[in-house]
Amino acid sequence: MASSRWSLRNIYLYLVCLITLIMVIVGAVGVIRSGVELLYPEPTATMEPLPKDDSGKPVMDEEQWKQQQAVAKESSRRWAILNLVGNVALVIIAGPIYVYHWRKIEEEKSEPAETAATTA
């Protein structure tokens, strides 16, 4: 009975479950992190003063500076959305694979009990 529990097939099933469970956990953490990043963006781009050269003159005018900050903010938002989508995809793909393999393990655990009950 112990040899059937640790057959090559069961070891494969447990390894797939372990790997996909880790993928789901990493994806879920990434979803939460990306969601927080979207809701609470990094404030550094809007807090910086207008850049100046060595002589103290502004490198660009106020309108260019605001436009550059808006582009940086939009770029940060875009990366947060891409990370969110990637992590959701990771959870959506790895989750069902985990569930499928875990159910196979559970089926194989219950099979010896069923066969013993039918032979008795």
C-alpha atoms as a PDB file:
ATOM      1  CA  MET A   1       0.000   0.000   0.000  1.00  0.00           C
ATOM      2  CA  ALA A   2       2.878   2.385   0.763  1.00  0.00           C
ATOM      3  CA  SER A   3       4.421   1.782  -2.660  1.00  0.00           C
ATOM      4  CA  SER A   4       1.192   2.801  -4.432  1.00  0.00           C
ATOM      5  CA  ARG A   5       1.102   6.064  -2.475  1.00  0.00           C
ATOM      6  CA  TRP A   6       4.578   7.021  -3.681  1.00  0.00           C
ATOM      7  CA  SER A   7       4.412   5.686  -7.208  1.00  0.00           C
ATOM      8  CA  LEU A   8       6.027   7.673  -9.978  1.00  0.00           C
ATOM      9  CA  ARG A   9       2.600   8.890 -11.081  1.00  0.00           C
ATOM     10  CA  ASN A  10       1.723  10.179  -7.602  1.00  0.00           C
ATOM     11  CA  ILE A  11       5.078  11.896  -7.246  1.00  0.00           C
ATOM     12  CA  TYR A  12       4.407  13.614 -10.580  1.00  0.00           C
ATOM     13  CA  LEU A  13       0.919  14.666  -9.452  1.00  0.00           C
ATOM     14  CA  TYR A  14       2.213  16.044  -6.138  1.00  0.00           C
ATOM     15  CA  LEU A  15       5.009  17.961  -7.887  1.00  0.00           C
ATOM     16  CA  VAL A  16       2.603  19.504 -10.380  1.00  0.00           C
ATOM     17  CA  CYS A  17       0.311  20.473  -7.487  1.00  0.00           C
ATOM     18  CA  LEU A  18       3.198  22.032  -5.581  1.00  0.00           C
ATOM     19  CA  ILE A  19       4.430  24.039  -8.558  1.00  0.00           C
ATOM     20  CA  THR A  20       0.983  25.263  -9.587  1.00  0.00           C
ATOM     21  CA  LEU A  21       0.068  26.128  -6.000  1.00  0.00           C
ATOM     22  CA  ILE A  22       3.206  28.259  -5.758  1.00  0.00           C
ATOM     23  CA  MET A  23       2.268  29.892  -9.073  1.00  0.00           C
ATOM     24  CA  VAL A  24      -1.218  30.682  -7.772  1.00  0.00           C
ATOM     25  CA  ILE A  25       0.200  32.182  -4.568  1.00  0.00           C
ATOM     26  CA  VAL A  26       2.735  34.306  -6.480  1.00  0.00           C
ATOM     27  CA  GLY A  27       0.018  35.411  -8.900  1.00  0.00           C
ATOM     28  CA  ALA A  28      -2.376  36.315  -6.087  1.00  0.00           C
ATOM     29  CA  VAL A  29       0.296  38.365  -4.335  1.00  0.00           C
ATOM     30  CA  GLY A  30       1.056  40.084  -7.638  1.00  0.00           C
ATOM     31  CA  VAL A  31      -2.636  40.873  -8.176  1.00  0.00           C
ATOM     32  CA  ILE A  32      -2.855  42.492  -4.761  1.00  0.00           C
ATOM     33  CA  ARG A  33       0.377  44.424  -5.262  1.00  0.00           C
ATOM     34  CA  SER A  34      -0.672  45.660  -8.720  1.00  0.00           C
ATOM     35  CA  GLY A  35      -4.095  46.627  -7.412  1.00  0.00           C
ATOM     36  CA  VAL A  36      -2.542  48.665  -4.620  1.00  0.00           C
ATOM     37  CA  GLU A  37      -0.156  50.243  -7.116  1.00  0.00           C
ATOM     38  CA  LEU A  38      -3.129  51.316  -9.248  1.00  0.00           C
ATOM     39  CA  LEU A  39      -5.061  52.685  -6.284  1.00  0.00           C
ATOM     40  CA  TYR A  40      -2.086  54.303  -4.590  1.00  0.00           C
ATOM     41  CA  PRO A  41       0.495  55.320  -7.244  1.00  0.00           C
ATOM     42  CA  GLU A  42       4.023  56.358  -6.443  1.00  0.00           C
ATOM     43  CA  PRO A  43       4.001  60.101  -5.658  1.00  0.00           C
ATOM     44  CA  THR A  44       7.634  60.879  -6.521  1.00  0.00           C
ATOM     45  CA  ALA A  45       7.013  62.092 -10.088  1.00  0.00           C
ATOM     46  CA  THR A  46       4.673  64.868  -8.976  1.00  0.00           C
ATOM     47  CA  MET A  47       6.727  65.873  -5.930  1.00  0.00           C
ATOM     48  CA  GLU A  48       9.955  66.721  -7.793  1.00  0.00           C
ATOM     49  CA  PRO A  49      10.750  70.399  -8.432  1.00  0.00           C
ATOM     50  CA  LEU A  50      11.323  71.796 -11.901  1.00  0.00           C
ATOM     51  CA  PRO A  51      14.835  70.657 -12.991  1.00  0.00           C
ATOM     52  CA  LYS A  52      17.482  73.347 -13.363  1.00  0.00           C
ATOM     53  CA  ASP A  53      20.900  73.407 -15.000  1.00  0.00           C
ATOM     54  CA  ASP A  54      24.181  74.399 -13.312  1.00  0.00           C
ATOM     55  CA  SER A  55      23.502  78.118 -13.654  1.00  0.00           C
ATOM     56  CA  GLY A  56      20.103  77.790 -11.964  1.00  0.00           C
ATOM     57  CA  LYS A  57      17.994  78.291 -15.087  1.00  0.00           C
ATOM     58  CA  PRO A  58      15.111  75.898 -15.658  1.00  0.00           C
ATOM     59  CA  VAL A  59      15.921  73.217 -18.225  1.00  0.00           C
ATOM     60  CA  MET A  60      12.374  73.314 -19.576  1.00  0.00           C
ATOM     61  CA  ASP A  61       9.345  75.505 -19.167  1.00  0.00           C
ATOM     62  CA  GLU A  62       6.500  74.771 -16.761  1.00  0.00           C
ATOM     63  CA  GLU A  63       4.204  73.324 -19.469  1.00  0.00           C
ATOM     64  CA  GLN A  64       6.849  70.863 -20.684  1.00  0.00           C
ATOM     65  CA  TRP A  65       7.530  69.807 -17.099  1.00  0.00           C
ATOM     66  CA  LYS A  66       3.849  69.142 -16.413  1.00  0.00           C
ATOM     67  CA  GLN A  67       3.574  67.212 -19.665  1.00  0.00           C
ATOM     68  CA  GLN A  68       6.607  65.092 -18.752  1.00  0.00           C
ATOM     69  CA  GLN A  69       5.106  64.352 -15.331  1.00  0.00           C
ATOM     70  CA  ALA A  70       1.792  63.333 -16.925  1.00  0.00           C
ATOM     71  CA  VAL A  71       3.604  60.969 -19.300  1.00  0.00           C
ATOM     72  CA  ALA A  72       5.544  59.429 -16.386  1.00  0.00           C
ATOM     73  CA  LYS A  73       2.323  58.979 -14.396  1.00  0.00           C
ATOM     74  CA  GLU A  74       0.550  57.360 -17.356  1.00  0.00           C
ATOM     75  CA  SER A  75       3.535  55.072 -17.961  1.00  0.00           C
ATOM     76  CA  SER A  76       3.473  53.973 -14.316  1.00  0.00           C
ATOM     77  CA  ARG A  77      -0.263  53.289 -14.578  1.00  0.00           C
ATOM     78  CA  ARG A  78       0.252  51.287 -17.772  1.00  0.00           C
ATOM     79  CA  TRP A  79       2.890  49.067 -16.150  1.00  0.00           C
ATOM     80  CA  ALA A  80       0.639  48.497 -13.147  1.00  0.00           C
ATOM     81  CA  ILE A  81      -2.203  47.409 -15.442  1.00  0.00           C
ATOM     82  CA  LEU A  82       0.101  45.105 -17.430  1.00  0.00           C
ATOM     83  CA  ASN A  83       1.358  43.534 -14.196  1.00  0.00           C
ATOM     84  CA  LEU A  84      -2.208  43.110 -12.974  1.00  0.00           C
ATOM     85  CA  VAL A  85      -3.278  41.394 -16.198  1.00  0.00           C
ATOM     86  CA  GLY A  86      -0.222  39.129 -16.163  1.00  0.00           C
ATOM     87  CA  ASN A  87      -0.802  38.065 -12.578  1.00  0.00           C
ATOM     88  CA  VAL A  88      -4.514  37.466 -13.132  1.00  0.00           C
ATOM     89  CA  ALA A  89      -3.603  35.311 -16.139  1.00  0.00           C
ATOM     90  CA  LEU A  90      -1.148  33.364 -13.968  1.00  0.00           C
ATOM     91  CA  VAL A  91      -3.867  32.638 -11.399  1.00  0.00           C
ATOM     92  CA  ILE A  92      -6.452  31.780 -14.068  1.00  0.00           C
ATOM     93  CA  ILE A  93      -4.109  29.352 -15.836  1.00  0.00           C
ATOM     94  CA  ALA A  94      -2.375  27.746 -12.836  1.00  0.00           C
ATOM     95  CA  GLY A  95      -5.496  27.487 -10.646  1.00  0.00           C
ATOM     96  CA  PRO A  96      -7.435  24.983 -12.775  1.00  0.00           C
ATOM     97  CA  ILE A  97      -4.281  22.939 -13.422  1.00  0.00           C
ATOM     98  CA  TYR A  98      -3.771  22.673  -9.665  1.00  0.00           C
ATOM     99  CA  VAL A  99      -7.410  21.726  -9.063  1.00  0.00           C
ATOM    100  CA  TYR A 100      -7.339  19.077 -11.812  1.00  0.00           C
ATOM    101  CA  HIS A 101      -4.201  17.385 -10.496  1.00  0.00           C
ATOM    102  CA  TRP A 102      -5.321  17.600  -6.869  1.00  0.00           C
ATOM    103  CA  ARG A 103      -8.593  15.889  -7.782  1.00  0.00           C
ATOM    104  CA  LYS A 104      -6.620  13.120  -9.495  1.00  0.00           C
ATOM    105  CA  ILE A 105      -4.669  12.617  -6.262  1.00  0.00           C
ATOM    106  CA  GLU A 106      -7.888  12.507  -4.239  1.00  0.00           C
ATOM    107  CA  GLU A 107      -9.429  10.003  -6.668  1.00  0.00           C
ATOM    108  CA  GLU A 108      -6.427   7.716  -6.371  1.00  0.00           C
ATOM    109  CA  LYS A 109      -6.533   7.959  -2.574  1.00  0.00           C
ATOM    110  CA  SER A 110     -10.165   6.855  -2.515  1.00  0.00           C
ATOM    111  CA  GLU A 111      -9.709   4.033  -5.089  1.00  0.00           C
ATOM    112  CA  PRO A 112      -7.870   1.598  -2.755  1.00  0.00           C
ATOM    113  CA  ALA A 113     -10.566   2.085  -0.097  1.00  0.00           C
ATOM    114  CA  GLU A 114     -13.306   1.424  -2.658  1.00  0.00           C
ATOM    115  CA  THR A 115     -11.608  -1.684  -4.055  1.00  0.00           C
ATOM    116  CA  ALA A 116     -11.050  -3.034  -0.541  1.00  0.00           C
ATOM    117  CA  ALA A 117     -14.712  -2.447   0.301  1.00  0.00           C
ATOM    118  CA  THR A 118     -15.952  -4.214  -2.856  1.00  0.00           C
ATOM    119  CA  THR A 119     -13.700  -7.280  -2.354  1.00  0.00           C
ATOM    120  CA  ALA A 120     -14.713  -7.761   1.282  1.00  0.00           C
END
